[in-house]
Amino acid sequence: MRNISVTMSTSLDGVVQGPGRPDEDTRDGFDRGGWAVRYNDEVMAEKMGSGMASGGAMLFGRRTYLDFAGYWPHQTDNPFTPFLNAAHKYVVSNTLTEPLPWQNSTLLSGDAATTVAELKAQDGPDLAVVGSAALVRSLFQAGLIDQFTLLIHPLVLGRGRTLFDQSGGPSEDFELIDSVATSTGVLIATYRSRSAQATDFSAPPR
């Protein structure tokens, strides 16, 4: 059984849309993209780098995968690029077709919750989701998320798509297992599902 962990940048009002670039995600007329970039610092880079160094595979929704695939393979001077290129990448989509444009990528078609549940049940490295908010919502609805790492940025955007909407969903308790504040005021907080921890015999005692 694999664990599924999510890493997501969010504003104080819960917006997760377009953190990286002005043109990253302009759906619904969102014109405040790129809001997270000015908060990057060495603390954040070290924290994200340590997560990548732990290994594992990556799980993407279509939109985030295509955005990453069009950017990261060309960043030859970035220390994150070798990891991202080498990592096995699973892409949940019913519109993409193989071969996928980024090396070490595998297409998962069909119902997202069903195909990811089957992947999670297999032996293999843990799965990391970066961004991919729509996929995360589907997996959370199905009870498949074990851990969230939220990069909580000290700003209010006032508009934009949020990680969770108001349409209802499951209730889940999480425990804070790690937190660090960056020099720019970003709180990087990692929350572990209490139900997942109850069945994870590698977890530290509480």
C-alpha atoms as a PDB file:
ATOM      1  CA  MET A   1       0.000   0.000   0.000  1.00  0.00           C
ATOM      2  CA  ARG A   2       1.355   3.387  -1.032  1.00  0.00           C
ATOM      3  CA  ASN A   3       0.793   6.689   0.718  1.00  0.00           C
ATOM      4  CA  ILE A   4      -0.473   9.698  -1.242  1.00  0.00           C
ATOM      5  CA  SER A   5       0.780  13.125  -0.149  1.00  0.00           C
ATOM      6  CA  VAL A   6      -0.263  16.498  -1.555  1.00  0.00           C
ATOM      7  CA  THR A   7       1.845  19.670  -1.694  1.00  0.00           C
ATOM      8  CA  MET A   8      -0.108  22.831  -2.423  1.00  0.00           C
ATOM      9  CA  SER A   9       0.474  26.585  -2.272  1.00  0.00           C
ATOM     10  CA  THR A  10      -2.485  28.500  -0.870  1.00  0.00           C
ATOM     11  CA  SER A  11      -3.353  32.061   0.084  1.00  0.00           C
ATOM     12  CA  LEU A  12      -4.901  32.924   3.447  1.00  0.00           C
ATOM     13  CA  ASP A  13      -8.341  32.890   1.806  1.00  0.00           C
ATOM     14  CA  GLY A  14      -7.751  29.419   0.390  1.00  0.00           C
ATOM     15  CA  VAL A  15      -7.002  30.293  -3.244  1.00  0.00           C
ATOM     16  CA  VAL A  16      -4.758  27.776  -5.013  1.00  0.00           C
ATOM     17  CA  GLN A  17      -5.162  29.031  -8.592  1.00  0.00           C
ATOM     18  CA  GLY A  18      -2.146  30.189 -10.606  1.00  0.00           C
ATOM     19  CA  PRO A  19       0.542  30.580  -7.931  1.00  0.00           C
ATOM     20  CA  GLY A  20       3.508  30.294 -10.296  1.00  0.00           C
ATOM     21  CA  ARG A  21       2.974  32.634 -13.275  1.00  0.00           C
ATOM     22  CA  PRO A  22       0.536  35.309 -14.470  1.00  0.00           C
ATOM     23  CA  ASP A  23      -0.538  33.077 -17.369  1.00  0.00           C
ATOM     24  CA  GLU A  24      -0.503  29.776 -15.460  1.00  0.00           C
ATOM     25  CA  ASP A  25      -4.274  29.516 -14.979  1.00  0.00           C
ATOM     26  CA  THR A  26      -6.538  32.339 -16.118  1.00  0.00           C
ATOM     27  CA  ARG A  27      -9.835  30.443 -15.947  1.00  0.00           C
ATOM     28  CA  ASP A  28     -12.835  32.492 -14.828  1.00  0.00           C
ATOM     29  CA  GLY A  29     -10.879  35.650 -15.700  1.00  0.00           C
ATOM     30  CA  PHE A  30      -8.367  35.136 -12.897  1.00  0.00           C
ATOM     31  CA  ASP A  31      -5.823  37.937 -13.283  1.00  0.00           C
ATOM     32  CA  ARG A  32      -3.762  37.550 -10.119  1.00  0.00           C
ATOM     33  CA  GLY A  33      -1.530  34.675 -11.168  1.00  0.00           C
ATOM     34  CA  GLY A  34       2.068  34.456 -10.051  1.00  0.00           C
ATOM     35  CA  TRP A  35       1.206  35.510  -6.502  1.00  0.00           C
ATOM     36  CA  ALA A  36       3.501  32.976  -4.784  1.00  0.00           C
ATOM     37  CA  VAL A  37       6.778  33.754  -6.557  1.00  0.00           C
ATOM     38  CA  ARG A  38       7.847  36.767  -4.484  1.00  0.00           C
ATOM     39  CA  TYR A  39       7.662  34.656  -1.327  1.00  0.00           C
ATOM     40  CA  ASN A  40      10.279  32.099  -2.416  1.00  0.00           C
ATOM     41  CA  ASP A  41      13.369  31.897  -0.214  1.00  0.00           C
ATOM     42  CA  GLU A  42      16.123  29.497   0.841  1.00  0.00           C
ATOM     43  CA  VAL A  43      14.032  27.953   3.615  1.00  0.00           C
ATOM     44  CA  MET A  44      11.303  27.007   1.165  1.00  0.00           C
ATOM     45  CA  ALA A  45      13.799  25.680  -1.388  1.00  0.00           C
ATOM     46  CA  GLU A  46      15.475  23.534   1.257  1.00  0.00           C
ATOM     47  CA  LYS A  47      12.161  22.180   2.522  1.00  0.00           C
ATOM     48  CA  MET A  48      10.898  21.329  -0.954  1.00  0.00           C
ATOM     49  CA  GLY A  49      14.264  19.858  -1.896  1.00  0.00           C
ATOM     50  CA  SER A  50      14.302  17.572   1.136  1.00  0.00           C
ATOM     51  CA  GLY A  51      10.894  16.252   0.125  1.00  0.00           C
ATOM     52  CA  MET A  52      12.102  15.490  -3.378  1.00  0.00           C
ATOM     53  CA  ALA A  53      15.239  13.814  -2.034  1.00  0.00           C
ATOM     54  CA  SER A  54      13.094  11.264  -0.211  1.00  0.00           C
ATOM     55  CA  GLY A  55      12.230   9.730  -3.570  1.00  0.00           C
ATOM     56  CA  GLY A  56       8.858   8.408  -4.660  1.00  0.00           C
ATOM     57  CA  ALA A  57       6.707   8.791  -7.736  1.00  0.00           C
ATOM     58  CA  MET A  58       4.560  11.733  -8.816  1.00  0.00           C
ATOM     59  CA  LEU A  59       0.848  11.904  -9.564  1.00  0.00           C
ATOM     60  CA  PHE A  60      -0.603  14.638 -11.775  1.00  0.00           C
ATOM     61  CA  GLY A  61      -3.844  15.866 -13.207  1.00  0.00           C
ATOM     62  CA  ARG A  62      -3.816  16.788 -16.893  1.00  0.00           C
ATOM     63  CA  ARG A  63      -3.522  20.575 -16.566  1.00  0.00           C
ATOM     64  CA  THR A  64      -0.663  20.572 -14.053  1.00  0.00           C
ATOM     65  CA  TYR A  65       1.175  17.826 -15.928  1.00  0.00           C
ATOM     66  CA  LEU A  66       1.133  19.713 -19.216  1.00  0.00           C
ATOM     67  CA  ASP A  67       2.247  22.894 -17.455  1.00  0.00           C
ATOM     68  CA  PHE A  68       5.160  21.102 -15.763  1.00  0.00           C
ATOM     69  CA  ALA A  69       6.089  19.194 -18.929  1.00  0.00           C
ATOM     70  CA  GLY A  70       6.310  22.424 -20.890  1.00  0.00           C
ATOM     71  CA  TYR A  71       8.541  24.079 -18.319  1.00  0.00           C
ATOM     72  CA  TRP A  72      10.741  21.839 -16.191  1.00  0.00           C
ATOM     73  CA  PRO A  73      12.614  19.802 -18.841  1.00  0.00           C
ATOM     74  CA  HIS A  74      14.030  23.092 -20.156  1.00  0.00           C
ATOM     75  CA  GLN A  75      15.291  24.367 -16.765  1.00  0.00           C
ATOM     76  CA  THR A  76      18.760  22.879 -17.110  1.00  0.00           C
ATOM     77  CA  ASP A  77      20.304  25.032 -14.359  1.00  0.00           C
ATOM     78  CA  ASN A  78      17.647  24.271 -11.714  1.00  0.00           C
ATOM     79  CA  PRO A  79      18.536  21.674  -9.036  1.00  0.00           C
ATOM     80  CA  PHE A  80      14.959  20.339  -9.040  1.00  0.00           C
ATOM     81  CA  THR A  81      15.041  19.420 -12.748  1.00  0.00           C
ATOM     82  CA  PRO A  82      17.040  16.157 -12.509  1.00  0.00           C
ATOM     83  CA  PHE A  83      14.661  14.789  -9.886  1.00  0.00           C
ATOM     84  CA  LEU A  84      11.547  15.760 -11.825  1.00  0.00           C
ATOM     85  CA  ASN A  85      12.876  14.278 -15.053  1.00  0.00           C
ATOM     86  CA  ALA A  86      13.911  11.021 -13.388  1.00  0.00           C
ATOM     87  CA  ALA A  87      10.801  10.536 -11.233  1.00  0.00           C
ATOM     88  CA  HIS A  88       8.087   8.226 -12.490  1.00  0.00           C
ATOM     89  CA  LYS A  89       5.078  10.374 -13.308  1.00  0.00           C
ATOM     90  CA  TYR A  90       1.505   9.061 -13.372  1.00  0.00           C
ATOM     91  CA  VAL A  91      -0.977  11.290 -15.210  1.00  0.00           C
ATOM     92  CA  VAL A  92      -4.718  10.990 -14.620  1.00  0.00           C
ATOM     93  CA  SER A  93      -6.540  12.023 -17.797  1.00  0.00           C
ATOM     94  CA  ASN A  94      -9.227  10.874 -20.201  1.00  0.00           C
ATOM     95  CA  THR A  95      -8.175  13.278 -22.961  1.00  0.00           C
ATOM     96  CA  LEU A  96      -4.410  12.773 -23.232  1.00  0.00           C
ATOM     97  CA  THR A  97      -2.987   9.889 -25.241  1.00  0.00           C
ATOM     98  CA  GLU A  98       0.323   8.074 -25.103  1.00  0.00           C
ATOM     99  CA  PRO A  99       3.141   8.643 -25.744  1.00  0.00           C
ATOM    100  CA  LEU A 100       3.173  11.446 -23.202  1.00  0.00           C
ATOM    101  CA  PRO A 101       5.594  14.346 -23.799  1.00  0.00           C
ATOM    102  CA  TRP A 102       7.735  13.971 -20.653  1.00  0.00           C
ATOM    103  CA  GLN A 103      10.039  11.063 -19.971  1.00  0.00           C
ATOM    104  CA  ASN A 104       9.029   8.413 -17.428  1.00  0.00           C
ATOM    105  CA  SER A 105       5.324   9.260 -17.723  1.00  0.00           C
ATOM    106  CA  THR A 106       2.437   6.777 -17.561  1.00  0.00           C
ATOM    107  CA  LEU A 107      -1.163   7.584 -18.478  1.00  0.00           C
ATOM    108  CA  LEU A 108      -3.977   6.560 -16.107  1.00  0.00           C
ATOM    109  CA  SER A 109      -7.325   6.742 -17.891  1.00  0.00           C
ATOM    110  CA  GLY A 110     -10.791   6.030 -16.579  1.00  0.00           C
ATOM    111  CA  ASP A 111     -12.381   7.191 -13.361  1.00  0.00           C
ATOM    112  CA  ALA A 112      -9.739   9.060 -11.351  1.00  0.00           C
ATOM    113  CA  ALA A 113     -10.671   7.672  -7.938  1.00  0.00           C
ATOM    114  CA  THR A 114     -10.826   4.115  -9.223  1.00  0.00           C
ATOM    115  CA  THR A 115      -7.555   4.127 -11.147  1.00  0.00           C
ATOM    116  CA  VAL A 116      -5.640   5.900  -8.392  1.00  0.00           C
ATOM    117  CA  ALA A 117      -7.085   3.574  -5.741  1.00  0.00           C
ATOM    118  CA  GLU A 118      -5.780   0.633  -7.764  1.00  0.00           C
ATOM    119  CA  LEU A 119      -2.350   2.281  -8.035  1.00  0.00           C
ATOM    120  CA  LYS A 120      -2.311   3.107  -4.319  1.00  0.00           C
ATOM    121  CA  ALA A 121      -3.055  -0.518  -3.441  1.00  0.00           C
ATOM    122  CA  GLN A 122      -0.007  -1.772  -5.340  1.00  0.00           C
ATOM    123  CA  ASP A 123       3.460  -2.188  -3.898  1.00  0.00           C
ATOM    124  CA  GLY A 124       5.807   0.610  -4.900  1.00  0.00           C
ATOM    125  CA  PRO A 125       7.076   4.037  -3.909  1.00  0.00           C
ATOM    126  CA  ASP A 126       4.763   6.556  -2.302  1.00  0.00           C
ATOM    127  CA  LEU A 127       2.951   9.035  -4.552  1.00  0.00           C
ATOM    128  CA  ALA A 128       3.353  12.822  -4.391  1.00  0.00           C
ATOM    129  CA  VAL A 129       0.805  15.218  -5.866  1.00  0.00           C
ATOM    130  CA  VAL A 130       1.948  18.780  -6.602  1.00  0.00           C
ATOM    131  CA  GLY A 131      -0.831  21.210  -7.455  1.00  0.00           C
ATOM    132  CA  SER A 132      -3.548  19.406  -9.474  1.00  0.00           C
ATOM    133  CA  ALA A 133      -6.362  20.789  -7.321  1.00  0.00           C
ATOM    134  CA  ALA A 134      -9.190  19.152  -9.288  1.00  0.00           C
ATOM    135  CA  LEU A 135      -7.521  15.751  -8.964  1.00  0.00           C
ATOM    136  CA  VAL A 136      -6.895  16.338  -5.257  1.00  0.00           C
ATOM    137  CA  ARG A 137     -10.577  17.087  -4.699  1.00  0.00           C
ATOM    138  CA  SER A 138     -11.549  13.835  -6.408  1.00  0.00           C
ATOM    139  CA  LEU A 139      -9.043  11.803  -4.411  1.00  0.00           C
ATOM    140  CA  PHE A 140     -10.056  13.441  -1.138  1.00  0.00           C
ATOM    141  CA  GLN A 141     -13.709  12.669  -1.846  1.00  0.00           C
ATOM    142  CA  ALA A 142     -12.658   9.018  -2.247  1.00  0.00           C
ATOM    143  CA  GLY A 143     -10.639   8.987   0.990  1.00  0.00           C
ATOM    144  CA  LEU A 144      -7.310   8.454  -0.771  1.00  0.00           C
ATOM    145  CA  ILE A 145      -5.242  11.375   0.588  1.00  0.00           C
ATOM    146  CA  ASP A 146      -2.930  10.519   3.487  1.00  0.00           C
ATOM    147  CA  GLN A 147      -1.067  13.791   3.931  1.00  0.00           C
ATOM    148  CA  PHE A 148      -1.217  17.476   3.012  1.00  0.00           C
ATOM    149  CA  THR A 149       1.720  19.881   2.972  1.00  0.00           C
ATOM    150  CA  LEU A 150       0.287  23.369   2.636  1.00  0.00           C
ATOM    151  CA  LEU A 151       2.452  26.390   1.833  1.00  0.00           C
ATOM    152  CA  ILE A 152       0.257  29.048   3.426  1.00  0.00           C
ATOM    153  CA  HIS A 153       1.162  32.440   1.965  1.00  0.00           C
ATOM    154  CA  PRO A 154       0.505  35.645   3.912  1.00  0.00           C
ATOM    155  CA  LEU A 155      -1.836  37.340   1.472  1.00  0.00           C
ATOM    156  CA  VAL A 156      -5.535  37.508   0.633  1.00  0.00           C
ATOM    157  CA  LEU A 157      -6.346  37.340  -3.082  1.00  0.00           C
ATOM    158  CA  GLY A 158     -10.066  37.988  -2.891  1.00  0.00           C
ATOM    159  CA  ARG A 159     -10.903  35.762  -5.847  1.00  0.00           C
ATOM    160  CA  GLY A 160      -9.787  32.566  -7.549  1.00  0.00           C
ATOM    161  CA  ARG A 161     -10.373  28.849  -7.319  1.00  0.00           C
ATOM    162  CA  THR A 162      -9.963  27.244  -3.915  1.00  0.00           C
ATOM    163  CA  LEU A 163      -8.810  23.775  -2.950  1.00  0.00           C
ATOM    164  CA  PHE A 164     -12.172  22.797  -1.496  1.00  0.00           C
ATOM    165  CA  ASP A 165     -15.493  24.161  -2.682  1.00  0.00           C
ATOM    166  CA  GLN A 166     -18.819  24.339  -0.877  1.00  0.00           C
ATOM    167  CA  SER A 167     -20.489  21.413  -2.637  1.00  0.00           C
ATOM    168  CA  GLY A 168     -19.947  19.078   0.301  1.00  0.00           C
ATOM    169  CA  GLY A 169     -17.616  16.190   0.909  1.00  0.00           C
ATOM    170  CA  PRO A 170     -16.232  13.885   3.561  1.00  0.00           C
ATOM    171  CA  SER A 171     -15.146  15.002   7.003  1.00  0.00           C
ATOM    172  CA  GLU A 172     -11.573  14.105   7.955  1.00  0.00           C
ATOM    173  CA  ASP A 173      -9.364  14.852  10.951  1.00  0.00           C
ATOM    174  CA  PHE A 174      -5.690  15.695  10.411  1.00  0.00           C
ATOM    175  CA  GLU A 175      -2.780  16.026  12.804  1.00  0.00           C
ATOM    176  CA  LEU A 176      -0.017  18.610  12.413  1.00  0.00           C
ATOM    177  CA  ILE A 177       3.230  16.646  12.176  1.00  0.00           C
ATOM    178  CA  ASP A 178       5.643  19.323  10.971  1.00  0.00           C
ATOM    179  CA  SER A 179       5.755  23.076  10.429  1.00  0.00           C
ATOM    180  CA  VAL A 180       8.330  25.702   9.525  1.00  0.00           C
ATOM    181  CA  ALA A 181       8.043  29.424   8.801  1.00  0.00           C
ATOM    182  CA  THR A 182      10.066  30.957   5.973  1.00  0.00           C
ATOM    183  CA  SER A 183      11.802  34.328   6.061  1.00  0.00           C
ATOM    184  CA  THR A 184       9.003  35.757   3.891  1.00  0.00           C
ATOM    185  CA  GLY A 185       6.197  34.674   6.217  1.00  0.00           C
ATOM    186  CA  VAL A 186       5.065  31.506   4.449  1.00  0.00           C
ATOM    187  CA  LEU A 187       4.029  28.776   6.856  1.00  0.00           C
ATOM    188  CA  ILE A 188       4.842  25.302   5.516  1.00  0.00           C
ATOM    189  CA  ALA A 189       2.587  22.969   7.478  1.00  0.00           C
ATOM    190  CA  THR A 190       2.313  19.211   7.038  1.00  0.00           C
ATOM    191  CA  TYR A 191      -0.858  17.475   8.173  1.00  0.00           C
ATOM    192  CA  ARG A 192      -1.243  13.713   8.396  1.00  0.00           C
ATOM    193  CA  SER A 193      -4.655  12.044   8.224  1.00  0.00           C
ATOM    194  CA  ARG A 194      -5.463  10.526  11.607  1.00  0.00           C
ATOM    195  CA  SER A 195      -7.182   7.565   9.938  1.00  0.00           C
ATOM    196  CA  ALA A 196      -4.141   6.948   7.730  1.00  0.00           C
ATOM    197  CA  GLN A 197      -1.806   7.221  10.702  1.00  0.00           C
ATOM    198  CA  ALA A 198      -3.885   4.691  12.599  1.00  0.00           C
ATOM    199  CA  THR A 199      -3.028   2.091   9.971  1.00  0.00           C
ATOM    200  CA  ASP A 200       0.534   3.237   9.288  1.00  0.00           C
ATOM    201  CA  PHE A 201       2.791   1.136  11.467  1.00  0.00           C
ATOM    202  CA  SER A 202       5.832   3.216  10.428  1.00  0.00           C
ATOM    203  CA  ALA A 203       4.348   6.368  11.958  1.00  0.00           C
ATOM    204  CA  PRO A 204       5.900   7.605  15.212  1.00  0.00           C
ATOM    205  CA  PRO A 205       3.930   6.914  18.407  1.00  0.00           C
ATOM    206  CA  ARG A 206       1.660   9.688  19.645  1.00  0.00           C
END
